[in-house]
Amino acid sequence: MFSEQLRSVRLAKGLTQAELAVRCGLHPNAIAQFECGGREPSLKNLVKLADGLGVTIDALVNGKK
């Protein structure tokens, strides 16, 4: 599930939700919503998340490196 993968990658990188939000240019509440499964990111935000975490989109969506 995307929400679990996002949280897992963020924690593995040692980032808080607020730190990730700053890196991605997103609101911290958006990160929280993505991680709890309250909403799915748009493609634009998915790219921002992957860039902010330094991983591929595939790593976030499918858990692949």
PDB file of N, CA and C in Angstrom:
ATOM      1  N   MET A   1       0.846  -1.178   0.000  1.00  0.00           N
ATOM      2  CA  MET A   1       0.000   0.000   0.000  1.00  0.00           C
ATOM      3  C   MET A   1       0.893   1.243   0.000  1.00  0.00           C
ATOM      4  N   PHE A   2       0.522   2.240  -0.796  1.00  0.00           N
ATOM      5  CA  PHE A   2       1.338   3.441  -0.945  1.00  0.00           C
ATOM      6  C   PHE A   2       1.598   4.131   0.385  1.00  0.00           C
ATOM      7  N   SER A   3       0.578   4.297   1.203  1.00  0.00           N
ATOM      8  CA  SER A   3       0.739   5.035   2.457  1.00  0.00           C
ATOM      9  C   SER A   3       1.811   4.404   3.342  1.00  0.00           C
ATOM     10  N   GLU A   4       1.809   3.082   3.425  1.00  0.00           N
ATOM     11  CA  GLU A   4       2.792   2.380   4.247  1.00  0.00           C
ATOM     12  C   GLU A   4       4.189   2.508   3.656  1.00  0.00           C
ATOM     13  N   GLN A   5       4.280   2.436   2.345  1.00  0.00           N
ATOM     14  CA  GLN A   5       5.579   2.542   1.686  1.00  0.00           C
ATOM     15  C   GLN A   5       6.167   3.943   1.862  1.00  0.00           C
ATOM     16  N   LEU A   6       5.335   4.949   1.730  1.00  0.00           N
ATOM     17  CA  LEU A   6       5.798   6.324   1.918  1.00  0.00           C
ATOM     18  C   LEU A   6       6.350   6.502   3.325  1.00  0.00           C
ATOM     19  N   ARG A   7       5.614   6.049   4.312  1.00  0.00           N
ATOM     20  CA  ARG A   7       6.058   6.175   5.709  1.00  0.00           C
ATOM     21  C   ARG A   7       7.358   5.408   5.926  1.00  0.00           C
ATOM     22  N   SER A   8       7.443   4.217   5.392  1.00  0.00           N
ATOM     23  CA  SER A   8       8.629   3.392   5.555  1.00  0.00           C
ATOM     24  C   SER A   8       9.868   4.054   4.958  1.00  0.00           C
ATOM     25  N   VAL A   9       9.735   4.577   3.762  1.00  0.00           N
ATOM     26  CA  VAL A   9      10.874   5.234   3.101  1.00  0.00           C
ATOM     27  C   VAL A   9      11.254   6.504   3.867  1.00  0.00           C
ATOM     28  N   ARG A  10      10.271   7.266   4.282  1.00  0.00           N
ATOM     29  CA  ARG A  10      10.552   8.506   5.030  1.00  0.00           C
ATOM     30  C   ARG A  10      11.321   8.198   6.311  1.00  0.00           C
ATOM     31  N   LEU A  11      10.856   7.197   7.049  1.00  0.00           N
ATOM     32  CA  LEU A  11      11.529   6.839   8.295  1.00  0.00           C
ATOM     33  C   LEU A  11      12.925   6.291   8.039  1.00  0.00           C
ATOM     34  N   ALA A  12      13.085   5.518   6.976  1.00  0.00           N
ATOM     35  CA  ALA A  12      14.407   4.980   6.639  1.00  0.00           C
ATOM     36  C   ALA A  12      15.394   6.100   6.307  1.00  0.00           C
ATOM     37  N   LYS A  13      14.880   7.207   5.791  1.00  0.00           N
ATOM     38  CA  LYS A  13      15.722   8.362   5.473  1.00  0.00           C
ATOM     39  C   LYS A  13      15.933   9.257   6.699  1.00  0.00           C
ATOM     40  N   GLY A  14      15.271   8.918   7.811  1.00  0.00           N
ATOM     41  CA  GLY A  14      15.430   9.684   9.046  1.00  0.00           C
ATOM     42  C   GLY A  14      14.754  11.036   9.027  1.00  0.00           C
ATOM     43  N   LEU A  15      13.662  11.141   8.291  1.00  0.00           N
ATOM     44  CA  LEU A  15      12.950  12.416   8.155  1.00  0.00           C
ATOM     45  C   LEU A  15      11.634  12.418   8.922  1.00  0.00           C
ATOM     46  N   THR A  16      11.279  13.564   9.449  1.00  0.00           N
ATOM     47  CA  THR A  16       9.940  13.745  10.009  1.00  0.00           C
ATOM     48  C   THR A  16       9.004  14.114   8.861  1.00  0.00           C
ATOM     49  N   GLN A  17       7.718  14.091   9.126  1.00  0.00           N
ATOM     50  CA  GLN A  17       6.762  14.514   8.107  1.00  0.00           C
ATOM     51  C   GLN A  17       7.000  15.977   7.729  1.00  0.00           C
ATOM     52  N   ALA A  18       7.303  16.809   8.726  1.00  0.00           N
ATOM     53  CA  ALA A  18       7.539  18.229   8.473  1.00  0.00           C
ATOM     54  C   ALA A  18       8.783  18.438   7.612  1.00  0.00           C
ATOM     55  N   GLU A  19       9.839  17.691   7.875  1.00  0.00           N
ATOM     56  CA  GLU A  19      11.062  17.803   7.085  1.00  0.00           C
ATOM     57  C   GLU A  19      10.827  17.376   5.640  1.00  0.00           C
ATOM     58  N   LEU A  20      10.079  16.298   5.466  1.00  0.00           N
ATOM     59  CA  LEU A  20       9.761  15.854   4.120  1.00  0.00           C
ATOM     60  C   LEU A  20       8.914  16.897   3.398  1.00  0.00           C
ATOM     61  N   ALA A  21       7.971  17.479   4.108  1.00  0.00           N
ATOM     62  CA  ALA A  21       7.116  18.499   3.504  1.00  0.00           C
ATOM     63  C   ALA A  21       7.947  19.669   2.977  1.00  0.00           C
ATOM     64  N   VAL A  22       8.931  20.103   3.757  1.00  0.00           N
ATOM     65  CA  VAL A  22       9.794  21.207   3.327  1.00  0.00           C
ATOM     66  C   VAL A  22      10.579  20.802   2.083  1.00  0.00           C
ATOM     67  N   ARG A  23      11.139  19.598   2.087  1.00  0.00           N
ATOM     68  CA  ARG A  23      11.906  19.118   0.931  1.00  0.00           C
ATOM     69  C   ARG A  23      11.065  19.057  -0.333  1.00  0.00           C
ATOM     70  N   CYS A  24       9.789  18.736  -0.168  1.00  0.00           N
ATOM     71  CA  CYS A  24       8.901  18.538  -1.320  1.00  0.00           C
ATOM     72  C   CYS A  24       8.126  19.786  -1.711  1.00  0.00           C
ATOM     73  N   GLY A  25       8.118  20.775  -0.846  1.00  0.00           N
ATOM     74  CA  GLY A  25       7.313  21.956  -1.120  1.00  0.00           C
ATOM     75  C   GLY A  25       5.830  21.704  -0.926  1.00  0.00           C
ATOM     76  N   LEU A  26       5.520  20.767  -0.018  1.00  0.00           N
ATOM     77  CA  LEU A  26       4.126  20.438   0.274  1.00  0.00           C
ATOM     78  C   LEU A  26       3.809  20.814   1.714  1.00  0.00           C
ATOM     79  N   HIS A  27       2.542  20.896   2.028  1.00  0.00           N
ATOM     80  CA  HIS A  27       2.109  21.194   3.389  1.00  0.00           C
ATOM     81  C   HIS A  27       2.270  19.930   4.244  1.00  0.00           C
ATOM     82  N   PRO A  28       2.723  20.079   5.494  1.00  0.00           N
ATOM     83  CA  PRO A  28       2.861  18.901   6.367  1.00  0.00           C
ATOM     84  C   PRO A  28       1.574  18.082   6.504  1.00  0.00           C
ATOM     85  N   ASN A  29       0.429  18.750   6.449  1.00  0.00           N
ATOM     86  CA  ASN A  29      -0.837  18.019   6.531  1.00  0.00           C
ATOM     87  C   ASN A  29      -1.030  17.096   5.329  1.00  0.00           C
ATOM     88  N   ALA A  30      -0.507  17.496   4.173  1.00  0.00           N
ATOM     89  CA  ALA A  30      -0.608  16.644   2.982  1.00  0.00           C
ATOM     90  C   ALA A  30       0.191  15.363   3.202  1.00  0.00           C
ATOM     91  N   ILE A  31       1.385  15.481   3.768  1.00  0.00           N
ATOM     92  CA  ILE A  31       2.207  14.304   4.036  1.00  0.00           C
ATOM     93  C   ILE A  31       1.467  13.379   4.995  1.00  0.00           C
ATOM     94  N   ALA A  32       0.886  13.944   6.038  1.00  0.00           N
ATOM     95  CA  ALA A  32       0.137  13.141   7.014  1.00  0.00           C
ATOM     96  C   ALA A  32      -1.038  12.431   6.348  1.00  0.00           C
ATOM     97  N   GLN A  33      -1.747  13.125   5.472  1.00  0.00           N
ATOM     98  CA  GLN A  33      -2.884  12.525   4.779  1.00  0.00           C
ATOM     99  C   GLN A  33      -2.436  11.391   3.850  1.00  0.00           C
ATOM    100  N   PHE A  34      -1.314  11.588   3.162  1.00  0.00           N
ATOM    101  CA  PHE A  34      -0.797  10.535   2.285  1.00  0.00           C
ATOM    102  C   PHE A  34      -0.424   9.305   3.105  1.00  0.00           C
ATOM    103  N   GLU A  35       0.195   9.523   4.274  1.00  0.00           N
ATOM    104  CA  GLU A  35       0.662   8.402   5.086  1.00  0.00           C
ATOM    105  C   GLU A  35      -0.461   7.659   5.798  1.00  0.00           C
ATOM    106  N   CYS A  36      -1.542   8.342   6.110  1.00  0.00           N
ATOM    107  CA  CYS A  36      -2.655   7.650   6.789  1.00  0.00           C
ATOM    108  C   CYS A  36      -3.646   7.077   5.783  1.00  0.00           C
ATOM    109  N   GLY A  37      -3.409   7.324   4.500  1.00  0.00           N
ATOM    110  CA  GLY A  37      -4.303   6.795   3.477  1.00  0.00           C
ATOM    111  C   GLY A  37      -5.542   7.632   3.270  1.00  0.00           C
ATOM    112  N   GLY A  38      -5.548   8.842   3.825  1.00  0.00           N
ATOM    113  CA  GLY A  38      -6.696   9.725   3.687  1.00  0.00           C
ATOM    114  C   GLY A  38      -6.874  10.249   2.279  1.00  0.00           C
ATOM    115  N   ARG A  39      -5.761  10.333   1.563  1.00  0.00           N
ATOM    116  CA  ARG A  39      -5.821  10.747   0.153  1.00  0.00           C
ATOM    117  C   ARG A  39      -4.587  10.250  -0.561  1.00  0.00           C
ATOM    118  N   GLU A  40      -4.692  10.166  -1.877  1.00  0.00           N
ATOM    119  CA  GLU A  40      -3.584   9.737  -2.727  1.00  0.00           C
ATOM    120  C   GLU A  40      -2.981  10.975  -3.379  1.00  0.00           C
ATOM    121  N   PRO A  41      -1.661  10.996  -3.556  1.00  0.00           N
ATOM    122  CA  PRO A  41      -1.046  12.161  -4.193  1.00  0.00           C
ATOM    123  C   PRO A  41      -1.320  12.192  -5.699  1.00  0.00           C
ATOM    124  N   SER A  42      -1.382  13.391  -6.217  1.00  0.00           N
ATOM    125  CA  SER A  42      -1.459  13.548  -7.678  1.00  0.00           C
ATOM    126  C   SER A  42      -0.116  13.121  -8.258  1.00  0.00           C
ATOM    127  N   LEU A  43      -0.051  12.972  -9.562  1.00  0.00           N
ATOM    128  CA  LEU A  43       1.208  12.619 -10.203  1.00  0.00           C
ATOM    129  C   LEU A  43       2.263  13.680  -9.910  1.00  0.00           C
ATOM    130  N   LYS A  44       1.878  14.937  -9.963  1.00  0.00           N
ATOM    131  CA  LYS A  44       2.791  16.048  -9.675  1.00  0.00           C
ATOM    132  C   LYS A  44       3.361  15.930  -8.266  1.00  0.00           C
ATOM    133  N   ASN A  45       2.505  15.630  -7.293  1.00  0.00           N
ATOM    134  CA  ASN A  45       2.969  15.491  -5.913  1.00  0.00           C
ATOM    135  C   ASN A  45       3.758  14.213  -5.703  1.00  0.00           C
ATOM    136  N   LEU A  46       3.427  13.179  -6.443  1.00  0.00           N
ATOM    137  CA  LEU A  46       4.184  11.930  -6.367  1.00  0.00           C
ATOM    138  C   LEU A  46       5.624  12.168  -6.821  1.00  0.00           C
ATOM    139  N   VAL A  47       5.796  12.946  -7.873  1.00  0.00           N
ATOM    140  CA  VAL A  47       7.136  13.294  -8.350  1.00  0.00           C
ATOM    141  C   VAL A  47       7.877  14.090  -7.271  1.00  0.00           C
ATOM    142  N   LYS A  48       7.193  15.045  -6.656  1.00  0.00           N
ATOM    143  CA  LYS A  48       7.809  15.840  -5.585  1.00  0.00           C
ATOM    144  C   LYS A  48       8.230  14.955  -4.410  1.00  0.00           C
ATOM    145  N   LEU A  49       7.395  14.001  -4.046  1.00  0.00           N
ATOM    146  CA  LEU A  49       7.721  13.101  -2.939  1.00  0.00           C
ATOM    147  C   LEU A  49       8.942  12.248  -3.268  1.00  0.00           C
ATOM    148  N   ALA A  50       8.958  11.685  -4.456  1.00  0.00           N
ATOM    149  CA  ALA A  50      10.094  10.850  -4.866  1.00  0.00           C
ATOM    150  C   ALA A  50      11.380  11.672  -4.892  1.00  0.00           C
ATOM    151  N   ASP A  51      11.314  12.867  -5.445  1.00  0.00           N
ATOM    152  CA  ASP A  51      12.494  13.734  -5.489  1.00  0.00           C
ATOM    153  C   ASP A  51      12.950  14.111  -4.085  1.00  0.00           C
ATOM    154  N   GLY A  52      12.007  14.457  -3.233  1.00  0.00           N
ATOM    155  CA  GLY A  52      12.334  14.845  -1.865  1.00  0.00           C
ATOM    156  C   GLY A  52      12.956  13.725  -1.054  1.00  0.00           C
ATOM    157  N   LEU A  53      12.591  12.503  -1.384  1.00  0.00           N
ATOM    158  CA  LEU A  53      13.126  11.346  -0.683  1.00  0.00           C
ATOM    159  C   LEU A  53      14.358  10.760  -1.379  1.00  0.00           C
ATOM    160  N   GLY A  54      14.621  11.204  -2.585  1.00  0.00           N
ATOM    161  CA  GLY A  54      15.764  10.691  -3.326  1.00  0.00           C
ATOM    162  C   GLY A  54      15.580   9.255  -3.792  1.00  0.00           C
ATOM    163  N   VAL A  55      14.340   8.920  -4.150  1.00  0.00           N
ATOM    164  CA  VAL A  55      14.024   7.581  -4.641  1.00  0.00           C
ATOM    165  C   VAL A  55      13.226   7.697  -5.935  1.00  0.00           C
ATOM    166  N   THR A  56      13.033   6.579  -6.591  1.00  0.00           N
ATOM    167  CA  THR A  56      12.219   6.572  -7.804  1.00  0.00           C
ATOM    168  C   THR A  56      10.739   6.520  -7.435  1.00  0.00           C
ATOM    169  N   ILE A  57       9.916   6.894  -8.377  1.00  0.00           N
ATOM    170  CA  ILE A  57       8.467   6.757  -8.170  1.00  0.00           C
ATOM    171  C   ILE A  57       8.122   5.291  -7.956  1.00  0.00           C
ATOM    172  N   ASP A  58       8.784   4.423  -8.712  1.00  0.00           N
ATOM    173  CA  ASP A  58       8.537   2.981  -8.571  1.00  0.00           C
ATOM    174  C   ASP A  58       8.804   2.520  -7.140  1.00  0.00           C
ATOM    175  N   ALA A  59       9.842   3.070  -6.515  1.00  0.00           N
ATOM    176  CA  ALA A  59      10.156   2.702  -5.130  1.00  0.00           C
ATOM    177  C   ALA A  59       9.031   3.093  -4.181  1.00  0.00           C
ATOM    178  N   LEU A  60       8.392   4.221  -4.459  1.00  0.00           N
ATOM    179  CA  LEU A  60       7.283   4.647  -3.605  1.00  0.00           C
ATOM    180  C   LEU A  60       6.005   3.880  -3.865  1.00  0.00           C
ATOM    181  N   VAL A  61       5.738   3.622  -5.131  1.00  0.00           N
ATOM    182  CA  VAL A  61       4.484   2.967  -5.481  1.00  0.00           C
ATOM    183  C   VAL A  61       4.533   1.463  -5.299  1.00  0.00           C
ATOM    184  N   ASN A  62       5.649   0.864  -5.702  1.00  0.00           N
ATOM    185  CA  ASN A  62       5.739  -0.603  -5.681  1.00  0.00           C
ATOM    186  C   ASN A  62       6.742  -1.147  -4.683  1.00  0.00           C
ATOM    187  N   GLY A  63       7.471  -0.285  -4.020  1.00  0.00           N
ATOM    188  CA  GLY A  63       8.461  -0.742  -3.056  1.00  0.00           C
ATOM    189  C   GLY A  63       9.719  -1.304  -3.696  1.00  0.00           C
ATOM    190  N   LYS A  64       9.982  -0.922  -4.951  1.00  0.00           N
ATOM    191  CA  LYS A  64      11.170  -1.400  -5.654  1.00  0.00           C
ATOM    192  C   LYS A  64      12.239  -0.330  -5.646  1.00  0.00           C
ATOM    193  N   LYS A  65      13.479  -0.750  -5.659  1.00  0.00           N
ATOM    194  CA  LYS A  65      14.594   0.208  -5.611  1.00  0.00           C
ATOM    195  C   LYS A  65      15.000   0.668  -6.982  1.00  0.00           C
TER     196      LYS A  65
END
